[in-house]
């Protein structure tokens, strides 16, 4: 029997993590928009919680024309924080982009973001609240709460972004994998990564973005639950101000001990 030569898949330049929850009406346009705007070889990790998620059958069909896509089941904790952490563990590229499947994010900014990481930044934060940024939504508590929280954190802790809770961010994989991530609720892992990166002195860059409402479906975002989940990372960011500094070891992932 002749030996069959197996050619390993090329390592992508970018891993895109998309946490999904019943995004069957949006996932196709999302994958198409990524293909149009990502200028480097990439993989797309679509992370779901439940086997009944309506995204799954559509994503499986689309994998025939989007072979860069892969479905992953969230094995950490149900919700976007667990999904993002699951994607981070599976990512193969040196850069990691977290994007939503609701078509709210401006994917045309991805080439600009890639220019920054890793040569000039460890994290790029598109911001709805800095000069030039905007949020195309009707005024509500959901709109104002993240804005006020961002300004509070920026003013008290010096976080170099006014929009730390926006999930659409590009990270150096080396930086993210060095963080001791523990979030399990809502989108709190996004603020956790910003707060811990800030405490470790990582390079964080903010660029303006325009955020639009989702085209189809209903958001599963729970504001009150999220505010509670954000609180520990607010405290962590505050711990690195001029008056109080906790050890940065709580932010950094421990390296395995060689026996």
C-alpha atoms as a PDB file:
ATOM      1  CA  UNK A   1       0.000   0.000   0.000  1.00  0.00           C
ATOM      2  CA  UNK A   2       1.430   3.355  -1.035  1.00  0.00           C
ATOM      3  CA  UNK A   3       1.949   6.026   1.570  1.00  0.00           C
ATOM      4  CA  UNK A   4      -0.418   8.957   1.163  1.00  0.00           C
ATOM      5  CA  UNK A   5       1.185  12.336   1.610  1.00  0.00           C
ATOM      6  CA  UNK A   6      -0.977  14.576   3.788  1.00  0.00           C
ATOM      7  CA  UNK A   7      -0.465  18.284   3.207  1.00  0.00           C
ATOM      8  CA  UNK A   8      -1.175  20.264   6.402  1.00  0.00           C
ATOM      9  CA  UNK A   9      -3.468  23.238   6.165  1.00  0.00           C
ATOM     10  CA  UNK A  10      -1.662  26.548   5.935  1.00  0.00           C
ATOM     11  CA  UNK A  11      -1.686  28.579   9.124  1.00  0.00           C
ATOM     12  CA  UNK A  12      -3.945  31.626   8.586  1.00  0.00           C
ATOM     13  CA  UNK A  13      -2.842  35.185   9.271  1.00  0.00           C
ATOM     14  CA  UNK A  14      -6.076  36.008  11.107  1.00  0.00           C
ATOM     15  CA  UNK A  15      -8.524  34.052  13.263  1.00  0.00           C
ATOM     16  CA  UNK A  16     -12.031  35.546  13.340  1.00  0.00           C
ATOM     17  CA  UNK A  17     -14.228  34.516  16.276  1.00  0.00           C
ATOM     18  CA  UNK A  18     -17.977  34.912  15.834  1.00  0.00           C
ATOM     19  CA  UNK A  19     -20.175  33.994  18.822  1.00  0.00           C
ATOM     20  CA  UNK A  20     -23.679  33.214  17.543  1.00  0.00           C
ATOM     21  CA  UNK A  21     -27.174  32.837  18.934  1.00  0.00           C
ATOM     22  CA  UNK A  22     -29.864  32.082  16.320  1.00  0.00           C
ATOM     23  CA  UNK A  23     -28.204  34.160  13.595  1.00  0.00           C
ATOM     24  CA  UNK A  24     -29.541  32.091  10.686  1.00  0.00           C
ATOM     25  CA  UNK A  25     -30.762  35.212   8.864  1.00  0.00           C
ATOM     26  CA  UNK A  26     -27.468  37.097   9.293  1.00  0.00           C
ATOM     27  CA  UNK A  27     -24.632  34.579   9.086  1.00  0.00           C
ATOM     28  CA  UNK A  28     -24.493  34.357   5.284  1.00  0.00           C
ATOM     29  CA  UNK A  29     -24.179  38.130   4.812  1.00  0.00           C
ATOM     30  CA  UNK A  30     -21.633  38.223   7.627  1.00  0.00           C
ATOM     31  CA  UNK A  31     -19.402  35.639   5.954  1.00  0.00           C
ATOM     32  CA  UNK A  32     -19.761  37.397   2.605  1.00  0.00           C
ATOM     33  CA  UNK A  33     -18.847  40.756   4.167  1.00  0.00           C
ATOM     34  CA  UNK A  34     -15.757  39.235   5.776  1.00  0.00           C
ATOM     35  CA  UNK A  35     -14.641  37.755   2.460  1.00  0.00           C
ATOM     36  CA  UNK A  36     -15.015  41.171   0.827  1.00  0.00           C
ATOM     37  CA  UNK A  37     -13.066  43.031   3.513  1.00  0.00           C
ATOM     38  CA  UNK A  38     -10.358  40.738   4.900  1.00  0.00           C
ATOM     39  CA  UNK A  39      -7.184  41.100   2.791  1.00  0.00           C
ATOM     40  CA  UNK A  40      -5.183  38.241   4.385  1.00  0.00           C
ATOM     41  CA  UNK A  41      -5.662  34.448   4.692  1.00  0.00           C
ATOM     42  CA  UNK A  42      -8.048  33.833   7.565  1.00  0.00           C
ATOM     43  CA  UNK A  43     -10.144  31.284   9.410  1.00  0.00           C
ATOM     44  CA  UNK A  44     -13.628  31.916  10.798  1.00  0.00           C
ATOM     45  CA  UNK A  45     -14.587  30.197  14.050  1.00  0.00           C
ATOM     46  CA  UNK A  46     -18.370  30.240  14.486  1.00  0.00           C
ATOM     47  CA  UNK A  47     -19.035  29.391  18.136  1.00  0.00           C
ATOM     48  CA  UNK A  48     -22.477  28.291  19.327  1.00  0.00           C
ATOM     49  CA  UNK A  49     -23.976  27.229  22.678  1.00  0.00           C
ATOM     50  CA  UNK A  50     -26.814  24.841  21.863  1.00  0.00           C
ATOM     51  CA  UNK A  51     -27.207  22.110  19.260  1.00  0.00           C
ATOM     52  CA  UNK A  52     -30.639  23.616  18.506  1.00  0.00           C
ATOM     53  CA  UNK A  53     -29.156  26.977  17.458  1.00  0.00           C
ATOM     54  CA  UNK A  54     -30.725  27.963  14.133  1.00  0.00           C
ATOM     55  CA  UNK A  55     -27.346  29.226  12.892  1.00  0.00           C
ATOM     56  CA  UNK A  56     -25.905  25.708  12.670  1.00  0.00           C
ATOM     57  CA  UNK A  57     -27.664  24.236   9.598  1.00  0.00           C
ATOM     58  CA  UNK A  58     -27.151  27.454   7.628  1.00  0.00           C
ATOM     59  CA  UNK A  59     -23.469  27.642   8.627  1.00  0.00           C
ATOM     60  CA  UNK A  60     -22.925  23.988   7.641  1.00  0.00           C
ATOM     61  CA  UNK A  61     -24.378  24.661   4.203  1.00  0.00           C
ATOM     62  CA  UNK A  62     -22.251  27.789   3.805  1.00  0.00           C
ATOM     63  CA  UNK A  63     -19.065  25.915   4.685  1.00  0.00           C
ATOM     64  CA  UNK A  64     -19.186  24.457   1.160  1.00  0.00           C
ATOM     65  CA  UNK A  65     -18.523  27.918  -0.289  1.00  0.00           C
ATOM     66  CA  UNK A  66     -16.704  29.290   2.762  1.00  0.00           C
ATOM     67  CA  UNK A  67     -14.174  26.534   3.549  1.00  0.00           C
ATOM     68  CA  UNK A  68     -12.347  28.919   5.867  1.00  0.00           C
ATOM     69  CA  UNK A  69     -15.292  28.575   8.287  1.00  0.00           C
ATOM     70  CA  UNK A  70     -15.526  26.119  11.155  1.00  0.00           C
ATOM     71  CA  UNK A  71     -18.278  25.433  13.680  1.00  0.00           C
ATOM     72  CA  UNK A  72     -17.258  25.114  17.326  1.00  0.00           C
ATOM     73  CA  UNK A  73     -19.406  24.305  20.335  1.00  0.00           C
ATOM     74  CA  UNK A  74     -18.856  26.543  23.351  1.00  0.00           C
ATOM     75  CA  UNK A  75     -17.380  24.294  26.058  1.00  0.00           C
ATOM     76  CA  UNK A  76     -16.634  26.927  28.717  1.00  0.00           C
ATOM     77  CA  UNK A  77     -19.873  28.684  29.738  1.00  0.00           C
ATOM     78  CA  UNK A  78     -23.040  29.482  27.831  1.00  0.00           C
ATOM     79  CA  UNK A  79     -23.084  32.982  26.438  1.00  0.00           C
ATOM     80  CA  UNK A  80     -20.732  35.206  24.449  1.00  0.00           C
ATOM     81  CA  UNK A  81     -17.917  35.313  27.024  1.00  0.00           C
ATOM     82  CA  UNK A  82     -17.623  31.536  27.022  1.00  0.00           C
ATOM     83  CA  UNK A  83     -17.930  31.475  23.225  1.00  0.00           C
ATOM     84  CA  UNK A  84     -15.170  34.039  22.757  1.00  0.00           C
ATOM     85  CA  UNK A  85     -12.880  32.181  25.157  1.00  0.00           C
ATOM     86  CA  UNK A  86     -13.613  28.909  23.320  1.00  0.00           C
ATOM     87  CA  UNK A  87     -12.665  30.590  20.052  1.00  0.00           C
ATOM     88  CA  UNK A  88      -9.461  31.996  21.536  1.00  0.00           C
ATOM     89  CA  UNK A  89      -8.391  28.518  22.622  1.00  0.00           C
ATOM     90  CA  UNK A  90      -8.966  27.162  19.099  1.00  0.00           C
ATOM     91  CA  UNK A  91      -7.473  30.105  17.162  1.00  0.00           C
ATOM     92  CA  UNK A  92      -4.405  29.254  15.057  1.00  0.00           C
ATOM     93  CA  UNK A  93      -3.415  32.690  13.776  1.00  0.00           C
ATOM     94  CA  UNK A  94      -1.109  35.299  15.299  1.00  0.00           C
ATOM     95  CA  UNK A  95      -3.967  37.835  15.255  1.00  0.00           C
ATOM     96  CA  UNK A  96      -7.493  37.379  16.618  1.00  0.00           C
ATOM     97  CA  UNK A  97     -10.535  39.409  15.594  1.00  0.00           C
ATOM     98  CA  UNK A  98     -13.802  39.176  17.517  1.00  0.00           C
ATOM     99  CA  UNK A  99     -16.819  40.125  15.398  1.00  0.00           C
ATOM    100  CA  UNK A 100     -20.547  39.745  15.739  1.00  0.00           C
ATOM    101  CA  UNK A 101     -22.907  38.081  13.249  1.00  0.00           C
ATOM    102  CA  UNK A 102     -25.526  40.833  13.579  1.00  0.00           C
ATOM    103  CA  UNK A 103     -24.002  43.078  10.866  1.00  0.00           C
ATOM    104  CA  UNK A 104     -23.598  45.966  13.328  1.00  0.00           C
ATOM    105  CA  UNK A 105     -19.812  46.220  12.943  1.00  0.00           C
ATOM    106  CA  UNK A 106     -18.017  48.061  10.142  1.00  0.00           C
ATOM    107  CA  UNK A 107     -15.937  45.314   8.515  1.00  0.00           C
ATOM    108  CA  UNK A 108     -14.438  47.798   6.037  1.00  0.00           C
ATOM    109  CA  UNK A 109     -12.136  48.853   8.919  1.00  0.00           C
ATOM    110  CA  UNK A 110     -10.482  45.438   9.168  1.00  0.00           C
ATOM    111  CA  UNK A 111      -7.573  46.251   6.764  1.00  0.00           C
ATOM    112  CA  UNK A 112      -6.777  49.368   8.810  1.00  0.00           C
ATOM    113  CA  UNK A 113      -6.887  47.354  12.025  1.00  0.00           C
ATOM    114  CA  UNK A 114      -4.555  44.713  10.594  1.00  0.00           C
ATOM    115  CA  UNK A 115      -2.003  47.432   9.802  1.00  0.00           C
ATOM    116  CA  UNK A 116      -1.681  48.142  13.528  1.00  0.00           C
ATOM    117  CA  UNK A 117      -1.321  44.649  15.015  1.00  0.00           C
ATOM    118  CA  UNK A 118       1.223  43.438  15.970  1.00  0.00           C
ATOM    119  CA  UNK A 119       3.784  45.961  14.697  1.00  0.00           C
ATOM    120  CA  UNK A 120       2.389  49.030  16.481  1.00  0.00           C
ATOM    121  CA  UNK A 121      -0.271  47.737  18.871  1.00  0.00           C
ATOM    122  CA  UNK A 122      -1.370  44.679  20.826  1.00  0.00           C
ATOM    123  CA  UNK A 123      -5.049  45.610  20.626  1.00  0.00           C
ATOM    124  CA  UNK A 124      -7.122  47.827  18.329  1.00  0.00           C
ATOM    125  CA  UNK A 125     -10.420  49.108  19.733  1.00  0.00           C
ATOM    126  CA  UNK A 126     -12.968  50.556  17.291  1.00  0.00           C
ATOM    127  CA  UNK A 127     -14.883  53.105  19.354  1.00  0.00           C
ATOM    128  CA  UNK A 128     -18.425  54.401  19.001  1.00  0.00           C
ATOM    129  CA  UNK A 129     -17.764  57.192  21.483  1.00  0.00           C
ATOM    130  CA  UNK A 130     -14.478  58.833  20.469  1.00  0.00           C
ATOM    131  CA  UNK A 131     -14.284  61.733  18.023  1.00  0.00           C
ATOM    132  CA  UNK A 132     -15.529  60.514  14.640  1.00  0.00           C
ATOM    133  CA  UNK A 133     -17.415  57.557  16.112  1.00  0.00           C
ATOM    134  CA  UNK A 134     -21.195  57.130  16.132  1.00  0.00           C
ATOM    135  CA  UNK A 135     -23.954  54.735  17.139  1.00  0.00           C
ATOM    136  CA  UNK A 136     -26.996  54.601  14.859  1.00  0.00           C
ATOM    137  CA  UNK A 137     -29.581  53.589  17.468  1.00  0.00           C
ATOM    138  CA  UNK A 138     -32.568  55.192  19.129  1.00  0.00           C
ATOM    139  CA  UNK A 139     -31.607  56.779  22.494  1.00  0.00           C
ATOM    140  CA  UNK A 140     -32.063  54.295  25.336  1.00  0.00           C
ATOM    141  CA  UNK A 141     -30.410  53.018  28.515  1.00  0.00           C
ATOM    142  CA  UNK A 142     -28.703  50.355  26.404  1.00  0.00           C
ATOM    143  CA  UNK A 143     -27.083  53.141  24.388  1.00  0.00           C
ATOM    144  CA  UNK A 144     -26.163  55.477  27.229  1.00  0.00           C
ATOM    145  CA  UNK A 145     -24.958  52.969  29.850  1.00  0.00           C
ATOM    146  CA  UNK A 146     -21.881  51.713  27.880  1.00  0.00           C
ATOM    147  CA  UNK A 147     -21.074  55.280  26.862  1.00  0.00           C
ATOM    148  CA  UNK A 148     -21.091  56.573  30.425  1.00  0.00           C
ATOM    149  CA  UNK A 149     -19.185  53.520  31.699  1.00  0.00           C
ATOM    150  CA  UNK A 150     -16.527  54.053  29.042  1.00  0.00           C
ATOM    151  CA  UNK A 151     -16.071  57.712  29.954  1.00  0.00           C
ATOM    152  CA  UNK A 152     -15.911  56.837  33.661  1.00  0.00           C
ATOM    153  CA  UNK A 153     -13.244  54.196  33.102  1.00  0.00           C
ATOM    154  CA  UNK A 154     -11.248  56.452  30.806  1.00  0.00           C
ATOM    155  CA  UNK A 155     -11.327  59.328  33.272  1.00  0.00           C
ATOM    156  CA  UNK A 156     -10.549  57.335  36.414  1.00  0.00           C
ATOM    157  CA  UNK A 157      -8.135  54.700  35.133  1.00  0.00           C
ATOM    158  CA  UNK A 158      -6.619  56.107  31.955  1.00  0.00           C
ATOM    159  CA  UNK A 159      -7.909  53.271  29.762  1.00  0.00           C
ATOM    160  CA  UNK A 160      -6.912  54.387  26.253  1.00  0.00           C
ATOM    161  CA  UNK A 161     -10.374  53.777  24.801  1.00  0.00           C
ATOM    162  CA  UNK A 162     -13.797  55.275  25.465  1.00  0.00           C
ATOM    163  CA  UNK A 163     -15.523  52.089  24.275  1.00  0.00           C
ATOM    164  CA  UNK A 164     -13.965  49.177  26.204  1.00  0.00           C
ATOM    165  CA  UNK A 165     -17.153  47.051  26.082  1.00  0.00           C
ATOM    166  CA  UNK A 166     -17.453  47.010  22.284  1.00  0.00           C
ATOM    167  CA  UNK A 167     -16.728  43.388  21.279  1.00  0.00           C
ATOM    168  CA  UNK A 168     -15.442  44.272  17.789  1.00  0.00           C
ATOM    169  CA  UNK A 169     -11.696  44.311  18.502  1.00  0.00           C
ATOM    170  CA  UNK A 170      -8.461  42.997  17.035  1.00  0.00           C
ATOM    171  CA  UNK A 171      -5.907  41.390  19.336  1.00  0.00           C
ATOM    172  CA  UNK A 172      -2.409  40.031  19.198  1.00  0.00           C
ATOM    173  CA  UNK A 173      -2.870  36.313  19.900  1.00  0.00           C
ATOM    174  CA  UNK A 174       0.315  36.284  21.966  1.00  0.00           C
ATOM    175  CA  UNK A 175      -1.105  38.998  24.233  1.00  0.00           C
ATOM    176  CA  UNK A 176      -4.539  37.371  24.621  1.00  0.00           C
ATOM    177  CA  UNK A 177      -3.086  33.950  25.367  1.00  0.00           C
ATOM    178  CA  UNK A 178      -0.980  35.551  28.103  1.00  0.00           C
ATOM    179  CA  UNK A 179      -4.085  36.807  29.920  1.00  0.00           C
ATOM    180  CA  UNK A 180      -5.718  34.859  32.727  1.00  0.00           C
ATOM    181  CA  UNK A 181      -9.278  35.024  31.344  1.00  0.00           C
ATOM    182  CA  UNK A 182     -12.080  33.987  33.714  1.00  0.00           C
ATOM    183  CA  UNK A 183     -15.272  35.733  32.507  1.00  0.00           C
ATOM    184  CA  UNK A 184     -18.354  33.573  31.973  1.00  0.00           C
ATOM    185  CA  UNK A 185     -21.224  36.075  31.802  1.00  0.00           C
ATOM    186  CA  UNK A 186     -22.559  38.164  28.921  1.00  0.00           C
ATOM    187  CA  UNK A 187     -19.814  40.081  27.034  1.00  0.00           C
ATOM    188  CA  UNK A 188     -17.751  40.762  30.162  1.00  0.00           C
ATOM    189  CA  UNK A 189     -14.687  39.006  28.707  1.00  0.00           C
ATOM    190  CA  UNK A 190     -14.291  41.993  26.358  1.00  0.00           C
ATOM    191  CA  UNK A 191     -13.851  44.432  29.254  1.00  0.00           C
ATOM    192  CA  UNK A 192     -11.735  41.853  31.095  1.00  0.00           C
ATOM    193  CA  UNK A 193      -9.262  41.718  28.205  1.00  0.00           C
ATOM    194  CA  UNK A 194      -9.030  45.507  27.966  1.00  0.00           C
ATOM    195  CA  UNK A 195      -8.602  45.954  31.731  1.00  0.00           C
ATOM    196  CA  UNK A 196      -5.973  43.232  32.064  1.00  0.00           C
ATOM    197  CA  UNK A 197      -4.066  44.357  28.968  1.00  0.00           C
ATOM    198  CA  UNK A 198      -4.028  47.889  30.403  1.00  0.00           C
ATOM    199  CA  UNK A 199      -2.732  46.612  33.746  1.00  0.00           C
ATOM    200  CA  UNK A 200       0.052  44.715  31.957  1.00  0.00           C
ATOM    201  CA  UNK A 201       1.095  47.790  29.987  1.00  0.00           C
ATOM    202  CA  UNK A 202       0.080  46.432  26.581  1.00  0.00           C
ATOM    203  CA  UNK A 203      -0.256  48.769  23.602  1.00  0.00           C
ATOM    204  CA  UNK A 204      -3.941  49.680  23.097  1.00  0.00           C
ATOM    205  CA  UNK A 205      -5.037  51.856  20.173  1.00  0.00           C
ATOM    206  CA  UNK A 206      -8.494  53.388  19.615  1.00  0.00           C
ATOM    207  CA  UNK A 207     -10.012  54.209  16.218  1.00  0.00           C
ATOM    208  CA  UNK A 208     -13.485  55.670  15.527  1.00  0.00           C
ATOM    209  CA  UNK A 209     -16.227  53.414  14.204  1.00  0.00           C
ATOM    210  CA  UNK A 210     -19.882  53.710  13.225  1.00  0.00           C
ATOM    211  CA  UNK A 211     -22.112  51.061  14.787  1.00  0.00           C
ATOM    212  CA  UNK A 212     -25.504  50.222  13.266  1.00  0.00           C
ATOM    213  CA  UNK A 213     -28.464  48.256  14.572  1.00  0.00           C
ATOM    214  CA  UNK A 214     -28.820  44.598  13.610  1.00  0.00           C
ATOM    215  CA  UNK A 215     -30.632  43.860  10.352  1.00  0.00           C
ATOM    216  CA  UNK A 216     -32.472  40.691  11.425  1.00  0.00           C
ATOM    217  CA  UNK A 217     -33.378  38.942  14.641  1.00  0.00           C
ATOM    218  CA  UNK A 218     -33.399  40.070  18.243  1.00  0.00           C
ATOM    219  CA  UNK A 219     -30.441  40.743  20.494  1.00  0.00           C
ATOM    220  CA  UNK A 220     -29.883  38.484  23.492  1.00  0.00           C
ATOM    221  CA  UNK A 221     -27.980  41.219  25.348  1.00  0.00           C
ATOM    222  CA  UNK A 222     -29.119  41.647  28.977  1.00  0.00           C
ATOM    223  CA  UNK A 223     -28.065  45.055  30.266  1.00  0.00           C
ATOM    224  CA  UNK A 224     -28.481  44.553  34.028  1.00  0.00           C
ATOM    225  CA  UNK A 225     -26.761  41.157  33.993  1.00  0.00           C
ATOM    226  CA  UNK A 226     -23.936  42.645  31.955  1.00  0.00           C
ATOM    227  CA  UNK A 227     -23.403  45.584  34.310  1.00  0.00           C
ATOM    228  CA  UNK A 228     -22.977  43.176  37.226  1.00  0.00           C
ATOM    229  CA  UNK A 229     -20.540  41.064  35.208  1.00  0.00           C
ATOM    230  CA  UNK A 230     -18.526  44.146  34.221  1.00  0.00           C
ATOM    231  CA  UNK A 231     -18.057  45.278  37.830  1.00  0.00           C
ATOM    232  CA  UNK A 232     -14.982  43.135  38.731  1.00  0.00           C
ATOM    233  CA  UNK A 233     -13.111  44.430  35.690  1.00  0.00           C
ATOM    234  CA  UNK A 234     -14.069  47.997  36.531  1.00  0.00           C
ATOM    235  CA  UNK A 235     -12.485  47.393  39.941  1.00  0.00           C
ATOM    236  CA  UNK A 236      -9.411  45.832  38.354  1.00  0.00           C
ATOM    237  CA  UNK A 237      -8.935  48.811  36.059  1.00  0.00           C
ATOM    238  CA  UNK A 238      -9.368  51.135  39.038  1.00  0.00           C
ATOM    239  CA  UNK A 239      -6.719  49.156  40.950  1.00  0.00           C
ATOM    240  CA  UNK A 240      -4.052  50.420  38.568  1.00  0.00           C
ATOM    241  CA  UNK A 241      -4.672  54.118  39.124  1.00  0.00           C
ATOM    242  CA  UNK A 242      -2.328  56.509  40.894  1.00  0.00           C
ATOM    243  CA  UNK A 243      -3.707  55.860  44.369  1.00  0.00           C
ATOM    244  CA  UNK A 244      -3.905  52.067  44.416  1.00  0.00           C
ATOM    245  CA  UNK A 245      -1.919  49.432  42.532  1.00  0.00           C
ATOM    246  CA  UNK A 246      -2.584  45.723  42.937  1.00  0.00           C
ATOM    247  CA  UNK A 247      -0.059  43.117  41.726  1.00  0.00           C
ATOM    248  CA  UNK A 248      -0.272  42.536  37.975  1.00  0.00           C
ATOM    249  CA  UNK A 249       0.096  38.780  38.534  1.00  0.00           C
ATOM    250  CA  UNK A 250      -3.697  38.515  38.795  1.00  0.00           C
ATOM    251  CA  UNK A 251      -3.925  39.628  35.173  1.00  0.00           C
ATOM    252  CA  UNK A 252      -1.271  37.367  33.664  1.00  0.00           C
ATOM    253  CA  UNK A 253      -1.789  33.718  32.877  1.00  0.00           C
ATOM    254  CA  UNK A 254       0.556  31.447  34.786  1.00  0.00           C
ATOM    255  CA  UNK A 255       2.990  29.474  32.647  1.00  0.00           C
ATOM    256  CA  UNK A 256       2.874  25.696  33.117  1.00  0.00           C
ATOM    257  CA  UNK A 257       5.558  24.352  35.411  1.00  0.00           C
ATOM    258  CA  UNK A 258       7.966  21.899  33.779  1.00  0.00           C
ATOM    259  CA  UNK A 259       8.474  18.789  35.872  1.00  0.00           C
END
